[in-house]
């Protein structure tokens, strides 16, 4: 049998050493143990607390908030093949309006199920 992944909107943030504090806030402090290499071209790493235990995230990875409010790292090439940016105010495919981090808050009037 074949299956198609259900379309859904996720929140995600790219891990960068400069925005590590914002990443910690985004994950509810589930990002931890930032390590910055001493060589100038080295990539920073941190650990993300996931449902399967701690996973290593490398600078440049996306950290995704899943449907159960869990977090997990995703390599940028996989993320870019799987996801596309959506308008934060109205998601045309689902017909829901979004506001900040509060998720779907209003059914969009122009949306028809079918």
N, C-alpha and C. Protein backbone atom coordinates (compact mmCIF):
# COMPACT_ATOMS: atom_id res chain seq x y z
N UNK A 1 0.84 -1.18 0.00
CA UNK A 1 0.00 0.00 0.00
C UNK A 1 0.88 1.23 0.00
N UNK A 2 0.34 2.31 -0.56
CA UNK A 2 1.04 3.58 -0.58
C UNK A 2 0.29 4.57 0.29
N UNK A 3 1.05 5.49 0.88
CA UNK A 3 0.47 6.51 1.73
C UNK A 3 1.04 7.87 1.37
N UNK A 4 0.24 8.89 1.53
CA UNK A 4 0.69 10.26 1.32
C UNK A 4 0.67 10.97 2.67
N UNK A 5 1.70 11.73 2.94
CA UNK A 5 1.78 12.48 4.19
C UNK A 5 0.72 13.57 4.19
N UNK A 6 0.00 13.69 5.29
CA UNK A 6 -1.03 14.72 5.40
C UNK A 6 -0.38 16.10 5.36
N UNK A 7 -1.00 17.02 4.66
CA UNK A 7 -0.44 18.38 4.67
C UNK A 7 -0.68 19.03 6.03
N UNK A 8 0.35 19.63 6.58
CA UNK A 8 0.22 20.34 7.84
C UNK A 8 1.23 21.47 7.88
N UNK A 9 0.98 22.39 8.74
CA UNK A 9 1.88 23.52 8.91
C UNK A 9 2.66 23.29 10.20
N UNK A 10 3.98 23.43 10.12
CA UNK A 10 4.83 23.29 11.30
C UNK A 10 5.56 24.59 11.55
N UNK A 11 6.00 24.77 12.77
CA UNK A 11 6.87 25.88 13.10
C UNK A 11 8.29 25.34 13.11
N UNK A 12 9.24 26.13 12.63
CA UNK A 12 10.63 25.70 12.60
C UNK A 12 11.54 26.91 12.71
N UNK A 13 12.76 26.65 13.13
CA UNK A 13 13.76 27.71 13.27
C UNK A 13 15.12 27.13 12.93
N UNK A 14 15.91 27.87 12.15
CA UNK A 14 17.25 27.41 11.84
C UNK A 14 18.16 27.66 13.04
N UNK A 15 18.97 26.68 13.37
CA UNK A 15 19.93 26.80 14.47
C UNK A 15 21.16 27.55 13.99
N UNK A 16 21.43 28.67 14.65
CA UNK A 16 22.64 29.46 14.43
C UNK A 16 23.17 29.86 15.79
N UNK A 17 24.47 29.91 15.91
CA UNK A 17 25.04 30.27 17.22
C UNK A 17 24.57 31.65 17.68
N UNK A 18 24.37 32.56 16.73
CA UNK A 18 23.97 33.94 17.07
C UNK A 18 22.55 33.99 17.63
N UNK A 19 21.71 33.01 17.31
CA UNK A 19 20.32 33.04 17.76
C UNK A 19 20.01 31.87 18.70
N UNK A 20 21.03 31.34 19.34
CA UNK A 20 20.84 30.20 20.25
C UNK A 20 19.84 30.53 21.36
N UNK A 21 19.91 31.72 21.94
CA UNK A 21 18.98 32.08 23.01
C UNK A 21 17.54 32.06 22.51
N UNK A 22 17.31 32.53 21.29
CA UNK A 22 15.97 32.50 20.71
C UNK A 22 15.53 31.05 20.45
N UNK A 23 16.47 30.20 20.06
CA UNK A 23 16.17 28.78 19.86
C UNK A 23 15.75 28.14 21.18
N UNK A 24 16.44 28.47 22.25
CA UNK A 24 16.08 27.93 23.58
C UNK A 24 14.68 28.37 23.96
N UNK A 25 14.35 29.62 23.66
CA UNK A 25 13.02 30.13 23.96
C UNK A 25 11.97 29.40 23.09
N UNK A 26 12.26 29.25 21.79
CA UNK A 26 11.35 28.58 20.86
C UNK A 26 11.06 27.15 21.30
N UNK A 27 12.07 26.44 21.79
CA UNK A 27 11.90 25.03 22.18
C UNK A 27 11.48 24.84 23.63
N UNK A 28 11.22 25.92 24.32
CA UNK A 28 10.87 25.77 25.74
C UNK A 28 12.02 25.22 26.54
N UNK A 29 13.24 25.64 26.17
CA UNK A 29 14.49 25.25 26.82
C UNK A 29 14.85 23.77 26.58
N UNK A 30 14.34 23.20 25.49
CA UNK A 30 14.69 21.81 25.15
C UNK A 30 15.94 21.76 24.28
N UNK A 31 16.50 22.92 23.95
CA UNK A 31 17.81 22.99 23.31
C UNK A 31 18.81 23.26 24.43
N UNK A 32 19.91 22.51 24.43
CA UNK A 32 20.87 22.66 25.53
C UNK A 32 22.28 22.35 25.07
N UNK A 33 23.22 22.60 25.95
CA UNK A 33 24.64 22.26 25.79
C UNK A 33 25.24 22.76 24.48
N UNK A 34 25.14 24.05 24.26
CA UNK A 34 25.76 24.66 23.08
C UNK A 34 27.27 24.48 23.15
N UNK A 35 27.86 24.00 22.05
CA UNK A 35 29.31 23.85 21.96
C UNK A 35 29.77 24.56 20.69
N UNK A 36 30.68 25.50 20.86
CA UNK A 36 31.22 26.26 19.73
C UNK A 36 32.69 25.87 19.57
N UNK A 37 33.05 25.35 18.40
CA UNK A 37 34.45 24.95 18.19
C UNK A 37 35.37 26.16 18.16
N UNK A 38 36.63 25.93 18.50
CA UNK A 38 37.61 27.02 18.53
C UNK A 38 38.10 27.41 17.14
N UNK A 39 38.02 26.49 16.17
CA UNK A 39 38.47 26.85 14.82
C UNK A 39 37.43 27.76 14.17
N UNK A 40 37.85 28.76 13.40
CA UNK A 40 36.93 29.77 12.87
C UNK A 40 35.87 29.23 11.91
N UNK A 41 36.14 28.14 11.21
CA UNK A 41 35.14 27.64 10.25
C UNK A 41 34.35 26.44 10.78
N UNK A 42 34.52 26.13 12.06
CA UNK A 42 33.79 25.00 12.64
C UNK A 42 32.34 25.36 12.93
N UNK A 43 31.49 24.35 12.92
CA UNK A 43 30.07 24.56 13.18
C UNK A 43 29.75 24.26 14.64
N UNK A 44 28.91 25.10 15.21
CA UNK A 44 28.45 24.89 16.58
C UNK A 44 27.47 23.72 16.60
N UNK A 45 27.35 23.07 17.74
CA UNK A 45 26.37 22.01 17.94
C UNK A 45 25.62 22.27 19.24
N UNK A 46 24.43 21.70 19.32
CA UNK A 46 23.68 21.70 20.57
C UNK A 46 22.85 20.43 20.57
N UNK A 47 22.19 20.18 21.66
CA UNK A 47 21.37 18.97 21.79
C UNK A 47 19.92 19.38 21.94
N UNK A 48 19.05 18.64 21.26
CA UNK A 48 17.62 18.88 21.30
C UNK A 48 16.96 17.71 22.00
N UNK A 49 16.19 18.00 23.04
CA UNK A 49 15.45 16.96 23.74
C UNK A 49 14.25 16.56 22.88
N UNK A 50 14.25 15.31 22.38
CA UNK A 50 13.17 14.82 21.53
C UNK A 50 12.41 13.71 22.24
N UNK A 51 11.37 13.21 21.62
CA UNK A 51 10.62 12.10 22.20
C UNK A 51 11.46 10.83 22.28
N UNK A 52 12.50 10.75 21.43
CA UNK A 52 13.38 9.57 21.40
C UNK A 52 14.68 9.79 22.17
N UNK A 53 14.77 10.85 22.93
CA UNK A 53 15.99 11.17 23.65
C UNK A 53 16.70 12.36 23.02
N UNK A 54 17.87 12.71 23.54
CA UNK A 54 18.61 13.86 23.02
C UNK A 54 19.19 13.56 21.65
N UNK A 55 19.01 14.52 20.72
CA UNK A 55 19.56 14.42 19.37
C UNK A 55 20.47 15.61 19.14
N UNK A 56 21.56 15.38 18.43
CA UNK A 56 22.51 16.45 18.13
C UNK A 56 22.02 17.27 16.95
N UNK A 57 22.06 18.59 17.10
CA UNK A 57 21.76 19.52 16.02
C UNK A 57 23.05 20.26 15.68
N UNK A 58 23.35 20.35 14.41
CA UNK A 58 24.52 21.07 13.93
C UNK A 58 24.07 22.42 13.40
N UNK A 59 24.89 23.42 13.59
CA UNK A 59 24.57 24.75 13.09
C UNK A 59 24.14 24.68 11.63
N UNK A 60 23.00 25.28 11.32
CA UNK A 60 22.44 25.22 9.98
C UNK A 60 21.25 24.27 9.89
N UNK A 61 21.13 23.34 10.86
CA UNK A 61 19.96 22.45 10.90
C UNK A 61 18.73 23.26 11.27
N UNK A 62 17.58 22.78 10.84
CA UNK A 62 16.31 23.36 11.26
C UNK A 62 15.81 22.57 12.46
N UNK A 63 15.23 23.27 13.42
CA UNK A 63 14.60 22.63 14.57
C UNK A 63 13.10 22.78 14.35
N UNK A 64 12.41 21.65 14.27
CA UNK A 64 10.99 21.63 13.93
C UNK A 64 10.16 21.31 15.16
N UNK A 65 9.06 22.03 15.30
CA UNK A 65 8.08 21.72 16.35
C UNK A 65 7.03 20.82 15.71
N UNK A 66 6.89 19.61 16.22
CA UNK A 66 5.98 18.62 15.64
C UNK A 66 4.55 18.76 16.13
N UNK A 67 3.70 17.87 15.66
CA UNK A 67 2.28 17.94 15.96
C UNK A 67 1.95 17.64 17.42
N UNK A 68 2.86 17.00 18.15
CA UNK A 68 2.65 16.73 19.57
C UNK A 68 3.45 17.70 20.44
N UNK A 69 3.78 18.87 19.86
CA UNK A 69 4.60 19.90 20.52
C UNK A 69 5.98 19.40 20.88
N UNK A 70 6.45 18.35 20.19
CA UNK A 70 7.82 17.87 20.36
C UNK A 70 8.73 18.61 19.40
N UNK A 71 10.02 18.55 19.64
CA UNK A 71 11.01 19.21 18.79
C UNK A 71 12.00 18.18 18.28
N UNK A 72 12.49 18.40 17.07
CA UNK A 72 13.51 17.52 16.51
C UNK A 72 14.30 18.26 15.45
N UNK A 73 15.59 17.93 15.31
CA UNK A 73 16.42 18.57 14.30
C UNK A 73 16.22 17.93 12.93
N UNK A 74 16.43 18.73 11.89
CA UNK A 74 16.31 18.26 10.52
C UNK A 74 17.40 18.92 9.68
N UNK A 75 18.12 18.14 8.90
CA UNK A 75 19.17 18.68 8.03
C UNK A 75 18.56 19.64 7.02
N UNK A 76 19.27 20.71 6.66
CA UNK A 76 18.70 21.73 5.78
C UNK A 76 18.26 21.21 4.41
N UNK A 77 19.00 20.28 3.82
CA UNK A 77 18.60 19.78 2.50
C UNK A 77 17.28 19.01 2.58
N UNK A 78 17.09 18.22 3.62
CA UNK A 78 15.84 17.48 3.81
C UNK A 78 14.70 18.45 4.10
N UNK A 79 14.96 19.44 4.95
CA UNK A 79 13.94 20.42 5.29
C UNK A 79 13.46 21.15 4.04
N UNK A 80 14.40 21.60 3.21
CA UNK A 80 14.04 22.37 2.02
C UNK A 80 13.32 21.52 0.97
N UNK A 81 13.56 20.21 0.94
CA UNK A 81 12.84 19.33 0.03
C UNK A 81 11.43 19.03 0.54
N UNK A 82 11.24 19.08 1.85
CA UNK A 82 9.99 18.66 2.47
C UNK A 82 9.04 19.81 2.76
N UNK A 83 9.57 20.97 3.09
CA UNK A 83 8.74 22.10 3.55
C UNK A 83 8.91 23.31 2.65
N UNK A 84 7.89 24.15 2.64
CA UNK A 84 7.98 25.45 1.99
C UNK A 84 7.36 26.48 2.93
N UNK A 85 7.85 27.69 2.83
CA UNK A 85 7.35 28.76 3.70
C UNK A 85 5.90 29.07 3.35
N UNK A 86 5.08 29.32 4.37
CA UNK A 86 3.68 29.69 4.16
C UNK A 86 3.43 31.07 4.75
N UNK A 87 2.40 31.71 4.26
CA UNK A 87 1.97 33.00 4.79
C UNK A 87 1.55 32.78 6.23
N UNK A 88 2.08 33.56 7.14
CA UNK A 88 1.77 33.35 8.56
C UNK A 88 0.36 33.80 8.93
N UNK A 89 -0.31 34.54 8.05
CA UNK A 89 -1.66 35.01 8.37
C UNK A 89 -2.75 34.07 7.89
N UNK A 90 -2.62 33.56 6.66
CA UNK A 90 -3.65 32.68 6.12
C UNK A 90 -2.98 31.54 5.38
N UNK A 91 -3.36 30.34 5.73
CA UNK A 91 -2.86 29.17 5.02
C UNK A 91 -3.98 28.71 4.08
N UNK A 92 -3.79 28.93 2.78
CA UNK A 92 -4.85 28.71 1.80
C UNK A 92 -5.28 27.25 1.71
N UNK A 93 -4.37 26.30 1.90
CA UNK A 93 -4.73 24.90 1.74
C UNK A 93 -5.63 24.40 2.87
N UNK A 94 -5.45 24.93 4.07
CA UNK A 94 -6.28 24.46 5.18
C UNK A 94 -7.41 25.43 5.48
N UNK A 95 -7.27 26.69 5.05
CA UNK A 95 -8.31 27.66 5.33
C UNK A 95 -8.27 28.21 6.74
N UNK A 96 -7.17 28.04 7.45
CA UNK A 96 -7.06 28.57 8.79
C UNK A 96 -6.18 29.81 8.79
N UNK A 97 -6.52 30.76 9.64
CA UNK A 97 -5.67 31.93 9.84
C UNK A 97 -4.76 31.62 11.02
N UNK A 98 -3.53 32.06 10.93
CA UNK A 98 -2.55 31.81 11.98
C UNK A 98 -2.07 33.13 12.55
N UNK A 99 -1.78 33.11 13.84
CA UNK A 99 -1.29 34.31 14.48
C UNK A 99 -0.19 33.93 15.44
N UNK A 100 1.04 34.30 15.13
CA UNK A 100 2.15 34.02 16.03
C UNK A 100 2.31 32.55 16.32
N UNK A 101 2.48 32.20 17.58
CA UNK A 101 2.70 30.83 18.00
C UNK A 101 1.42 30.15 18.49
N UNK A 102 0.28 30.75 18.23
CA UNK A 102 -0.96 30.24 18.80
C UNK A 102 -1.65 29.19 17.94
N UNK A 103 -1.11 28.88 16.78
CA UNK A 103 -1.72 27.86 15.92
C UNK A 103 -2.96 28.37 15.23
N UNK A 104 -3.78 27.44 14.70
CA UNK A 104 -4.98 27.87 13.98
C UNK A 104 -5.96 28.52 14.93
N UNK A 105 -6.37 29.74 14.61
CA UNK A 105 -7.29 30.43 15.51
C UNK A 105 -8.60 30.82 14.84
N UNK A 106 -8.65 30.80 13.51
CA UNK A 106 -9.86 31.24 12.85
C UNK A 106 -9.99 30.54 11.51
N UNK A 107 -11.19 30.08 11.23
CA UNK A 107 -11.45 29.48 9.93
C UNK A 107 -11.54 30.60 8.90
N UNK A 108 -10.84 30.46 7.80
CA UNK A 108 -10.83 31.49 6.75
C UNK A 108 -12.13 31.42 5.96
N UNK A 109 -12.79 32.56 5.79
CA UNK A 109 -14.10 32.60 5.17
C UNK A 109 -14.11 32.05 3.74
N UNK A 110 -13.05 32.24 2.98
CA UNK A 110 -13.03 31.81 1.58
C UNK A 110 -12.75 30.34 1.37
N UNK A 111 -12.56 29.59 2.43
CA UNK A 111 -12.20 28.18 2.31
C UNK A 111 -13.44 27.30 2.25
N UNK A 112 -13.43 26.37 1.33
CA UNK A 112 -14.53 25.40 1.23
C UNK A 112 -13.95 24.00 1.25
N UNK A 113 -14.52 23.17 2.08
CA UNK A 113 -14.08 21.79 2.10
C UNK A 113 -14.60 21.08 0.87
N UNK A 114 -13.84 20.12 0.42
CA UNK A 114 -14.36 19.44 -0.74
C UNK A 114 -13.38 18.56 -1.31
